[in-house]
């Protein structure tokens, strides 16, 4: 099997990979004839599924236990894998060293491609270099937009976290906020830091940073409550993930605070909270799309030599705002676990 990997030896028009996808899919023929249907069934033909040789692709993320965001990423990846005849091997660890070891495991298993998040790029540098040396194509998703090219990744799918943070800050200005606390659930995660830094850059009021232990929700709740009791002038709590936003709503109640809550990222419960008015708005980076495009891109590279973004530009999946004006539409998809 040829896995020759030339990250940027030739360029393709940005997003050509997405356009090429439909041309490369081999769809099963349909017929009103019972005999034809029986023939298709016996040949195990599935409409819209590739008939290319099966690939094995590893998806390695920094998912922390209980973080529902990654369930959505994984669903997108699984959908692409099912379409492309890919065996998807998923693994995760919030500890950067352990995540690097998981990537090494994928290299040792001689997978056909790796999709990886770069929450802590420095810790992933060496193992990604090893994957490149092994001629295994690597793409990035979700976190690491500032570092993917430097680390030699082929493509990147995600949100510019600084831009998202800046948009968040501008929205707070429009809502008349004066004192916001930005809650970071994982210290050292560059993407989370960029969100709060972007918010602080454009928000004209006061911005405070609060670190919490994202793997311990009772601790998250009590830490936010204590901060709100300490500073009664805080009028907005900005969280960086849906589970933390829902916990922050409880913290506001416990503290007897009048602060409002807004967040990054979605899940089913979060859209319901927006409907009820418990959450003012969310910034959606479309994690399903990140997982889907990352896996699909490796199939496209293997079977047609495509580079989304031409190997030079990332493919952005956000930011987009979800609030009461559009939440009903988004909630339909969130109920399926795909938004």
Foldseek 3Di string as FASTA:
>chain_A
DDLADDQQPDFDPAPVLVVCLVVQWDADDDDPDPVSVVVCVVVVGHGQAHPDPEFEEEEEEADDPPFLLVVQLVLLLVVLCRRHNYHYHYDHHNDLLVSLVVLVVVVVVVGQAYEYECQPVVSNLVSLVVCVVSSRAYEYEAHDQVCCVVSPHNAYEWAPLLVQLLVVLVVCVVVPFAEEEEEDQDPSRVSSVSNLVSNVVNHPHHYHYHYFNNNDLVRLLVSLLVVCLVDQSHAEYEYEGQVSQVSNLVSCVVNVHNHAYEYEDDALVSLVCLQVVNYAKYWYQQSSVRSNCRNNVSSCCVPPVDGNRRSPHHHGRDGDMDHNVCSVVVNVVNVVVND
